[in-house]
Amino acid sequence: MNQQKNIYEDMVSNPLVPMTLRIGVAGHRLLPDTVVEQIRERICAPVVRVISSLAEGADRLGIAPELLPPAFEMAAILPFLKEDYRQDFCPGFSAVDCERGTETEFDELLQRIVQMSGQVIELDSNPDNRERAYLECSYTLAAHSDILIAIYDGDRSELKGTAATVDYAKRNGVPVIHISTLDATCKLYFSNQSGCENGSVEFSQEALQQELRRILLFTDILAFPGSGEDVVMTKHRRNEILNLFGLYSPPLAA
């Protein structure tokens, strides 16, 4: 009886349910070397959790610890068991470094998420049908995101990969921040909850704040940091990130 009373008193004294804004990250594996600055600029909003499938390229860069404020949480949604997924990044299979592979980077990011008590979800898709497994993983990531950051060329002629993720998000009312890999443009696409696209606007903090307020029904919980506040990165660390980003950039033509 006393236990029930304590639970009741706790509910009365703490009536508000904690809210988490979940940001999904998806994009191409090979990216221009100018995109890293756009990624950092677009994800510096004070959200709580960033979700990635840890694929090579944009998926990993979007959750790079050096690019995220310390207060951010990280989570991962994998298409199947991590042991099977890891094989895609081994030498001979990696899309960005076929000779050396990138499985070490995958292991380090996964371990960091675990150490931070972040969630790692391993779906039960069939690893023998990787294309279908990746598609289901993309849909799951979009479905569990309140907003999706998509770093890709914008080509939706074939609904696969990032294009399929963006299409699913738009059809299910998930706003999409599109960072173009072709130029410096960045747009915010927003949809109503019935999946009808309401259009797009040039990305700005004001536009994002307005959309997040619509999602969360809050008006003053979201405050963007001012210039230089808690988001300053030293020149040395910035250069390290740029060097890392070079791994995902296609080689320049001779």
C-alpha atoms as a PDB file:
ATOM      1  CA  MET A   1       0.000   0.000   0.000  1.00  0.00           C
ATOM      2  CA  ASN A   2       2.827   2.360   0.941  1.00  0.00           C
ATOM      3  CA  GLN A   3       4.579   1.507  -2.336  1.00  0.00           C
ATOM      4  CA  GLN A   4       1.458   2.385  -4.336  1.00  0.00           C
ATOM      5  CA  LYS A   5       1.149   5.640  -2.402  1.00  0.00           C
ATOM      6  CA  ASN A   6       4.784   6.517  -3.154  1.00  0.00           C
ATOM      7  CA  ILE A   7       4.267   5.844  -6.878  1.00  0.00           C
ATOM      8  CA  TYR A   8       1.147   8.014  -6.879  1.00  0.00           C
ATOM      9  CA  GLU A   9       2.887  10.837  -5.037  1.00  0.00           C
ATOM     10  CA  ASP A  10       5.799  10.666  -7.462  1.00  0.00           C
ATOM     11  CA  MET A  11       3.437  10.924 -10.465  1.00  0.00           C
ATOM     12  CA  VAL A  12       1.674  13.927  -8.913  1.00  0.00           C
ATOM     13  CA  SER A  13       4.907  15.721  -8.093  1.00  0.00           C
ATOM     14  CA  ASN A  14       6.419  14.992 -11.548  1.00  0.00           C
ATOM     15  CA  PRO A  15       3.528  15.228 -14.009  1.00  0.00           C
ATOM     16  CA  LEU A  16       5.574  16.029 -17.132  1.00  0.00           C
ATOM     17  CA  VAL A  17       6.803  13.198 -19.332  1.00  0.00           C
ATOM     18  CA  PRO A  18      10.414  13.652 -20.535  1.00  0.00           C
ATOM     19  CA  MET A  19      10.536  14.317 -24.280  1.00  0.00           C
ATOM     20  CA  THR A  20      13.218  13.277 -26.714  1.00  0.00           C
ATOM     21  CA  LEU A  21      13.657  14.757 -30.171  1.00  0.00           C
ATOM     22  CA  ARG A  22      15.098  12.043 -32.401  1.00  0.00           C
ATOM     23  CA  ILE A  23      17.132  12.962 -35.487  1.00  0.00           C
ATOM     24  CA  GLY A  24      17.759  10.343 -38.161  1.00  0.00           C
ATOM     25  CA  VAL A  25      20.813  10.586 -40.402  1.00  0.00           C
ATOM     26  CA  ALA A  26      21.092   9.071 -43.880  1.00  0.00           C
ATOM     27  CA  GLY A  27      23.018   9.831 -47.031  1.00  0.00           C
ATOM     28  CA  HIS A  28      25.524   8.853 -49.715  1.00  0.00           C
ATOM     29  CA  ARG A  29      28.700   6.939 -48.987  1.00  0.00           C
ATOM     30  CA  LEU A  30      30.880   9.098 -51.230  1.00  0.00           C
ATOM     31  CA  LEU A  31      30.560  12.815 -50.463  1.00  0.00           C
ATOM     32  CA  PRO A  32      32.207  16.087 -51.586  1.00  0.00           C
ATOM     33  CA  ASP A  33      34.733  17.444 -49.107  1.00  0.00           C
ATOM     34  CA  THR A  34      32.687  20.651 -48.664  1.00  0.00           C
ATOM     35  CA  VAL A  35      29.763  18.937 -46.971  1.00  0.00           C
ATOM     36  CA  VAL A  36      31.301  18.430 -43.522  1.00  0.00           C
ATOM     37  CA  GLU A  37      30.857  22.099 -42.606  1.00  0.00           C
ATOM     38  CA  GLN A  38      27.214  21.962 -43.685  1.00  0.00           C
ATOM     39  CA  ILE A  39      26.658  18.875 -41.536  1.00  0.00           C
ATOM     40  CA  ARG A  40      28.070  20.589 -38.477  1.00  0.00           C
ATOM     41  CA  GLU A  41      26.081  23.772 -39.080  1.00  0.00           C
ATOM     42  CA  ARG A  42      22.774  21.975 -39.576  1.00  0.00           C
ATOM     43  CA  ILE A  43      22.881  19.611 -36.600  1.00  0.00           C
ATOM     44  CA  CYS A  44      23.962  22.044 -33.879  1.00  0.00           C
ATOM     45  CA  ALA A  45      20.388  22.432 -32.592  1.00  0.00           C
ATOM     46  CA  PRO A  46      19.877  21.421 -28.950  1.00  0.00           C
ATOM     47  CA  VAL A  47      18.248  18.062 -29.548  1.00  0.00           C
ATOM     48  CA  VAL A  48      18.788  14.972 -27.480  1.00  0.00           C
ATOM     49  CA  ARG A  49      19.335  11.903 -29.671  1.00  0.00           C
ATOM     50  CA  VAL A  50      20.850  11.351 -33.109  1.00  0.00           C
ATOM     51  CA  ILE A  51      20.130   8.002 -34.761  1.00  0.00           C
ATOM     52  CA  SER A  52      22.308   6.381 -37.420  1.00  0.00           C
ATOM     53  CA  SER A  53      22.664   3.039 -39.169  1.00  0.00           C
ATOM     54  CA  LEU A  54      26.462   3.460 -39.048  1.00  0.00           C
ATOM     55  CA  ALA A  55      26.936   2.882 -42.762  1.00  0.00           C
ATOM     56  CA  GLU A  56      29.990   4.427 -44.384  1.00  0.00           C
ATOM     57  CA  GLY A  57      29.806   8.078 -45.351  1.00  0.00           C
ATOM     58  CA  ALA A  58      27.074  10.429 -44.182  1.00  0.00           C
ATOM     59  CA  ASP A  59      25.604   7.982 -41.669  1.00  0.00           C
ATOM     60  CA  ARG A  60      28.832   7.971 -39.661  1.00  0.00           C
ATOM     61  CA  LEU A  61      29.796  11.592 -40.163  1.00  0.00           C
ATOM     62  CA  GLY A  62      26.384  12.677 -38.906  1.00  0.00           C
ATOM     63  CA  ILE A  63      27.144  11.178 -35.496  1.00  0.00           C
ATOM     64  CA  ALA A  64      30.889  11.866 -35.350  1.00  0.00           C
ATOM     65  CA  PRO A  65      31.554  12.683 -31.661  1.00  0.00           C
ATOM     66  CA  GLU A  66      33.655  15.692 -32.677  1.00  0.00           C
ATOM     67  CA  LEU A  67      30.675  17.208 -34.503  1.00  0.00           C
ATOM     68  CA  LEU A  68      28.055  16.688 -31.793  1.00  0.00           C
ATOM     69  CA  PRO A  69      27.640  18.798 -28.643  1.00  0.00           C
ATOM     70  CA  PRO A  70      28.484  16.784 -25.510  1.00  0.00           C
ATOM     71  CA  ALA A  71      24.853  16.727 -24.365  1.00  0.00           C
ATOM     72  CA  PHE A  72      23.689  14.844 -27.445  1.00  0.00           C
ATOM     73  CA  GLU A  73      22.871  11.162 -27.222  1.00  0.00           C
ATOM     74  CA  MET A  74      23.641   8.683 -29.989  1.00  0.00           C
ATOM     75  CA  ALA A  75      21.750   5.580 -31.045  1.00  0.00           C
ATOM     76  CA  ALA A  76      22.092   3.010 -33.829  1.00  0.00           C
ATOM     77  CA  ILE A  77      19.642   0.946 -35.855  1.00  0.00           C
ATOM     78  CA  LEU A  78      21.377  -1.907 -37.705  1.00  0.00           C
ATOM     79  CA  PRO A  79      19.788  -4.034 -40.464  1.00  0.00           C
ATOM     80  CA  PHE A  80      20.801  -7.307 -38.810  1.00  0.00           C
ATOM     81  CA  LEU A  81      23.255  -8.590 -36.204  1.00  0.00           C
ATOM     82  CA  LYS A  82      26.341  -6.379 -35.911  1.00  0.00           C
ATOM     83  CA  GLU A  83      28.615  -9.328 -36.676  1.00  0.00           C
ATOM     84  CA  ASP A  84      26.948  -9.797 -40.070  1.00  0.00           C
ATOM     85  CA  TYR A  85      26.691  -6.076 -40.750  1.00  0.00           C
ATOM     86  CA  ARG A  86      30.376  -5.542 -39.977  1.00  0.00           C
ATOM     87  CA  GLN A  87      31.351  -7.742 -42.922  1.00  0.00           C
ATOM     88  CA  ASP A  88      30.173  -5.042 -45.339  1.00  0.00           C
ATOM     89  CA  PHE A  89      33.000  -2.801 -44.132  1.00  0.00           C
ATOM     90  CA  CYS A  90      35.850  -5.303 -44.293  1.00  0.00           C
ATOM     91  CA  PRO A  91      38.633  -5.153 -46.916  1.00  0.00           C
ATOM     92  CA  GLY A  92      37.277  -6.209 -50.276  1.00  0.00           C
ATOM     93  CA  PHE A  93      33.723  -5.151 -49.389  1.00  0.00           C
ATOM     94  CA  SER A  94      34.043  -1.541 -48.215  1.00  0.00           C
ATOM     95  CA  ALA A  95      32.606   0.994 -50.654  1.00  0.00           C
ATOM     96  CA  VAL A  96      35.038   3.750 -49.635  1.00  0.00           C
ATOM     97  CA  ASP A  97      38.274   1.891 -48.816  1.00  0.00           C
ATOM     98  CA  CYS A  98      38.263  -1.496 -50.484  1.00  0.00           C
ATOM     99  CA  GLU A  99      41.911  -2.170 -49.625  1.00  0.00           C
ATOM    100  CA  ARG A 100      41.879  -1.467 -45.886  1.00  0.00           C
ATOM    101  CA  GLY A 101      38.201  -1.497 -44.975  1.00  0.00           C
ATOM    102  CA  THR A 102      36.463   0.662 -42.376  1.00  0.00           C
ATOM    103  CA  GLU A 103      35.337  -1.933 -39.865  1.00  0.00           C
ATOM    104  CA  THR A 104      37.567  -0.416 -37.167  1.00  0.00           C
ATOM    105  CA  GLU A 105      35.707   2.882 -37.428  1.00  0.00           C
ATOM    106  CA  PHE A 106      32.424   0.982 -37.271  1.00  0.00           C
ATOM    107  CA  ASP A 107      33.571  -0.839 -34.117  1.00  0.00           C
ATOM    108  CA  GLU A 108      34.698   2.382 -32.442  1.00  0.00           C
ATOM    109  CA  LEU A 109      31.422   4.194 -33.096  1.00  0.00           C
ATOM    110  CA  LEU A 110      29.374   1.236 -31.939  1.00  0.00           C
ATOM    111  CA  GLN A 111      31.455   0.900 -28.777  1.00  0.00           C
ATOM    112  CA  ARG A 112      31.081   4.608 -28.038  1.00  0.00           C
ATOM    113  CA  ILE A 113      27.308   4.353 -28.288  1.00  0.00           C
ATOM    114  CA  VAL A 114      27.302   1.390 -25.913  1.00  0.00           C
ATOM    115  CA  GLN A 115      29.579   3.176 -23.438  1.00  0.00           C
ATOM    116  CA  MET A 116      27.259   6.173 -23.469  1.00  0.00           C
ATOM    117  CA  SER A 117      24.344   3.851 -22.637  1.00  0.00           C
ATOM    118  CA  GLY A 118      22.850   4.579 -26.035  1.00  0.00           C
ATOM    119  CA  GLN A 119      20.462   2.248 -27.779  1.00  0.00           C
ATOM    120  CA  VAL A 120      21.702  -0.235 -30.382  1.00  0.00           C
ATOM    121  CA  ILE A 121      18.878  -1.979 -32.213  1.00  0.00           C
ATOM    122  CA  GLU A 122      19.740  -4.989 -34.359  1.00  0.00           C
ATOM    123  CA  LEU A 123      16.850  -5.834 -36.675  1.00  0.00           C
ATOM    124  CA  ASP A 124      16.088  -9.421 -37.631  1.00  0.00           C
ATOM    125  CA  SER A 125      16.221  -8.909 -41.392  1.00  0.00           C
ATOM    126  CA  ASN A 126      17.732 -11.610 -43.595  1.00  0.00           C
ATOM    127  CA  PRO A 127      21.449 -10.897 -44.255  1.00  0.00           C
ATOM    128  CA  ASP A 128      21.197 -13.020 -47.419  1.00  0.00           C
ATOM    129  CA  ASN A 129      18.916 -10.340 -48.896  1.00  0.00           C
ATOM    130  CA  ARG A 130      20.916  -7.264 -48.065  1.00  0.00           C
ATOM    131  CA  GLU A 131      19.065  -4.881 -50.375  1.00  0.00           C
ATOM    132  CA  ARG A 132      15.765  -5.641 -48.672  1.00  0.00           C
ATOM    133  CA  ALA A 133      17.395  -5.568 -45.233  1.00  0.00           C
ATOM    134  CA  TYR A 134      18.858  -2.108 -45.852  1.00  0.00           C
ATOM    135  CA  LEU A 135      15.509  -0.841 -47.086  1.00  0.00           C
ATOM    136  CA  GLU A 136      13.714  -2.104 -43.980  1.00  0.00           C
ATOM    137  CA  CYS A 137      16.433  -0.559 -41.815  1.00  0.00           C
ATOM    138  CA  SER A 138      16.016   2.800 -43.567  1.00  0.00           C
ATOM    139  CA  TYR A 139      12.269   2.712 -43.024  1.00  0.00           C
ATOM    140  CA  THR A 140      12.735   1.857 -39.351  1.00  0.00           C
ATOM    141  CA  LEU A 141      15.193   4.719 -38.893  1.00  0.00           C
ATOM    142  CA  ALA A 142      12.823   7.213 -40.535  1.00  0.00           C
ATOM    143  CA  ALA A 143       9.854   5.898 -38.561  1.00  0.00           C
ATOM    144  CA  HIS A 144      11.735   6.425 -35.288  1.00  0.00           C
ATOM    145  CA  SER A 145      12.891   9.944 -36.150  1.00  0.00           C
ATOM    146  CA  ASP A 146      11.079  13.196 -35.488  1.00  0.00           C
ATOM    147  CA  ILE A 147      13.154  14.872 -38.169  1.00  0.00           C
ATOM    148  CA  LEU A 148      15.489  13.415 -40.809  1.00  0.00           C
ATOM    149  CA  ILE A 149      18.751  14.923 -42.054  1.00  0.00           C
ATOM    150  CA  ALA A 150      19.428  13.647 -45.575  1.00  0.00           C
ATOM    151  CA  ILE A 151      22.841  14.319 -47.111  1.00  0.00           C
ATOM    152  CA  TYR A 152      22.489  13.331 -50.762  1.00  0.00           C
ATOM    153  CA  ASP A 153      22.171  14.621 -54.322  1.00  0.00           C
ATOM    154  CA  GLY A 154      18.378  14.834 -54.247  1.00  0.00           C
ATOM    155  CA  ASP A 155      17.852  12.272 -57.021  1.00  0.00           C
ATOM    156  CA  ARG A 156      14.612  10.398 -56.325  1.00  0.00           C
ATOM    157  CA  SER A 157      14.239   8.775 -59.756  1.00  0.00           C
ATOM    158  CA  GLU A 158      14.884   5.398 -58.104  1.00  0.00           C
ATOM    159  CA  LEU A 159      13.463   4.805 -54.654  1.00  0.00           C
ATOM    160  CA  LYS A 160      16.363   3.022 -53.067  1.00  0.00           C
ATOM    161  CA  GLY A 161      19.044   3.974 -50.585  1.00  0.00           C
ATOM    162  CA  THR A 162      18.749   7.504 -49.242  1.00  0.00           C
ATOM    163  CA  ALA A 163      16.037   8.396 -51.768  1.00  0.00           C
ATOM    164  CA  ALA A 164      13.839   5.627 -50.346  1.00  0.00           C
ATOM    165  CA  THR A 165      14.468   6.870 -46.806  1.00  0.00           C
ATOM    166  CA  VAL A 166      13.501  10.422 -47.748  1.00  0.00           C
ATOM    167  CA  ASP A 167      10.406   9.220 -49.614  1.00  0.00           C
ATOM    168  CA  TYR A 168       9.265   7.176 -46.612  1.00  0.00           C
ATOM    169  CA  ALA A 169       9.841  10.108 -44.249  1.00  0.00           C
ATOM    170  CA  LYS A 170       7.843  12.505 -46.407  1.00  0.00           C
ATOM    171  CA  ARG A 171       4.985  10.033 -46.839  1.00  0.00           C
ATOM    172  CA  ASN A 172       4.779   9.601 -43.073  1.00  0.00           C
ATOM    173  CA  GLY A 173       4.909  13.247 -42.068  1.00  0.00           C
ATOM    174  CA  VAL A 174       8.554  13.343 -40.949  1.00  0.00           C
ATOM    175  CA  PRO A 175      10.206  16.697 -41.833  1.00  0.00           C
ATOM    176  CA  VAL A 176      13.378  16.377 -43.908  1.00  0.00           C
ATOM    177  CA  ILE A 177      16.421  18.636 -43.874  1.00  0.00           C
ATOM    178  CA  HIS A 178      18.097  18.091 -47.245  1.00  0.00           C
ATOM    179  CA  ILE A 179      21.793  18.991 -47.405  1.00  0.00           C
ATOM    180  CA  SER A 180      22.718  18.820 -51.071  1.00  0.00           C
ATOM    181  CA  THR A 181      25.956  17.119 -52.126  1.00  0.00           C
ATOM    182  CA  LEU A 182      25.813  18.920 -55.484  1.00  0.00           C
ATOM    183  CA  ASP A 183      25.896  22.519 -54.295  1.00  0.00           C
ATOM    184  CA  ALA A 184      25.647  24.592 -51.133  1.00  0.00           C
ATOM    185  CA  THR A 185      21.858  24.539 -50.896  1.00  0.00           C
ATOM    186  CA  CYS A 186      20.049  23.249 -47.845  1.00  0.00           C
ATOM    187  CA  LYS A 187      16.269  22.995 -47.679  1.00  0.00           C
ATOM    188  CA  LEU A 188      13.742  21.998 -45.069  1.00  0.00           C
ATOM    189  CA  TYR A 189      10.906  19.853 -46.412  1.00  0.00           C
ATOM    190  CA  PHE A 190       7.887  19.462 -44.185  1.00  0.00           C
ATOM    191  CA  SER A 191       4.775  17.304 -44.463  1.00  0.00           C
ATOM    192  CA  ASN A 192       1.548  17.093 -42.556  1.00  0.00           C
ATOM    193  CA  GLN A 193       0.701  13.988 -40.587  1.00  0.00           C
ATOM    194  CA  SER A 194      -1.352  12.526 -43.436  1.00  0.00           C
ATOM    195  CA  GLY A 195       1.806  12.347 -45.531  1.00  0.00           C
ATOM    196  CA  CYS A 196       0.934  15.184 -47.924  1.00  0.00           C
ATOM    197  CA  GLU A 197       3.975  17.300 -48.655  1.00  0.00           C
ATOM    198  CA  ASN A 198       3.405  20.920 -47.696  1.00  0.00           C
ATOM    199  CA  GLY A 199       6.387  22.251 -49.624  1.00  0.00           C
ATOM    200  CA  SER A 200       9.882  23.377 -48.744  1.00  0.00           C
ATOM    201  CA  VAL A 201      11.715  26.453 -47.532  1.00  0.00           C
ATOM    202  CA  GLU A 202      15.333  27.517 -47.500  1.00  0.00           C
ATOM    203  CA  PHE A 203      16.886  26.095 -44.365  1.00  0.00           C
ATOM    204  CA  SER A 204      17.295  28.498 -41.474  1.00  0.00           C
ATOM    205  CA  GLN A 205      17.303  28.153 -37.717  1.00  0.00           C
ATOM    206  CA  GLU A 206      14.053  30.114 -37.603  1.00  0.00           C
ATOM    207  CA  ALA A 207      12.345  27.745 -40.062  1.00  0.00           C
ATOM    208  CA  LEU A 208      13.602  24.710 -38.160  1.00  0.00           C
ATOM    209  CA  GLN A 209      12.470  26.151 -34.818  1.00  0.00           C
ATOM    210  CA  GLN A 210       8.984  26.729 -36.190  1.00  0.00           C
ATOM    211  CA  GLU A 211       8.726  23.174 -37.487  1.00  0.00           C
ATOM    212  CA  LEU A 212      10.058  21.666 -34.265  1.00  0.00           C
ATOM    213  CA  ARG A 213       7.563  23.671 -32.250  1.00  0.00           C
ATOM    214  CA  ARG A 214       4.809  22.206 -34.404  1.00  0.00           C
ATOM    215  CA  ILE A 215       6.115  18.708 -33.738  1.00  0.00           C
ATOM    216  CA  LEU A 216       6.725  19.076 -30.003  1.00  0.00           C
ATOM    217  CA  LEU A 217       4.038  21.625 -29.211  1.00  0.00           C
ATOM    218  CA  PHE A 218       6.546  23.689 -27.263  1.00  0.00           C
ATOM    219  CA  THR A 219       7.302  27.359 -27.848  1.00  0.00           C
ATOM    220  CA  ASP A 220      10.296  28.154 -25.687  1.00  0.00           C
ATOM    221  CA  ILE A 221      12.051  24.862 -24.912  1.00  0.00           C
ATOM    222  CA  LEU A 222      14.094  25.148 -28.090  1.00  0.00           C
ATOM    223  CA  ALA A 223      16.815  27.783 -27.937  1.00  0.00           C
ATOM    224  CA  PHE A 224      19.683  27.753 -30.372  1.00  0.00           C
ATOM    225  CA  PRO A 225      23.139  28.577 -29.023  1.00  0.00           C
ATOM    226  CA  GLY A 226      24.609  31.892 -30.000  1.00  0.00           C
ATOM    227  CA  SER A 227      27.775  32.306 -31.964  1.00  0.00           C
ATOM    228  CA  GLY A 228      30.683  30.728 -30.154  1.00  0.00           C
ATOM    229  CA  GLU A 229      28.623  29.264 -27.290  1.00  0.00           C
ATOM    230  CA  ASP A 230      29.504  25.634 -26.529  1.00  0.00           C
ATOM    231  CA  VAL A 231      29.935  24.806 -30.205  1.00  0.00           C
ATOM    232  CA  VAL A 232      33.403  26.182 -30.835  1.00  0.00           C
ATOM    233  CA  MET A 233      35.753  23.634 -32.326  1.00  0.00           C
ATOM    234  CA  THR A 234      39.488  24.198 -32.202  1.00  0.00           C
ATOM    235  CA  LYS A 235      41.290  24.582 -35.499  1.00  0.00           C
ATOM    236  CA  HIS A 236      43.257  21.415 -34.777  1.00  0.00           C
ATOM    237  CA  ARG A 237      40.147  19.303 -34.193  1.00  0.00           C
ATOM    238  CA  ARG A 238      38.438  20.831 -37.232  1.00  0.00           C
ATOM    239  CA  ASN A 239      41.382  19.805 -39.409  1.00  0.00           C
ATOM    240  CA  GLU A 240      41.227  16.284 -38.014  1.00  0.00           C
ATOM    241  CA  ILE A 241      37.560  16.047 -38.981  1.00  0.00           C
ATOM    242  CA  LEU A 242      38.256  17.391 -42.450  1.00  0.00           C
ATOM    243  CA  ASN A 243      40.971  14.782 -42.894  1.00  0.00           C
ATOM    244  CA  LEU A 244      38.568  12.064 -41.768  1.00  0.00           C
ATOM    245  CA  PHE A 245      35.952  13.374 -44.157  1.00  0.00           C
ATOM    246  CA  GLY A 246      38.408  12.987 -47.031  1.00  0.00           C
ATOM    247  CA  LEU A 247      38.002   9.244 -46.730  1.00  0.00           C
ATOM    248  CA  TYR A 248      34.440   9.560 -47.993  1.00  0.00           C
ATOM    249  CA  SER A 249      35.218  11.932 -50.851  1.00  0.00           C
ATOM    250  CA  PRO A 250      35.556  10.461 -54.347  1.00  0.00           C
ATOM    251  CA  PRO A 251      39.052  10.804 -55.864  1.00  0.00           C
ATOM    252  CA  LEU A 252      39.550  13.851 -58.051  1.00  0.00           C
ATOM    253  CA  ALA A 253      39.838  13.246 -61.777  1.00  0.00           C
ATOM    254  CA  ALA A 254      43.365  13.368 -63.079  1.00  0.00           C
END
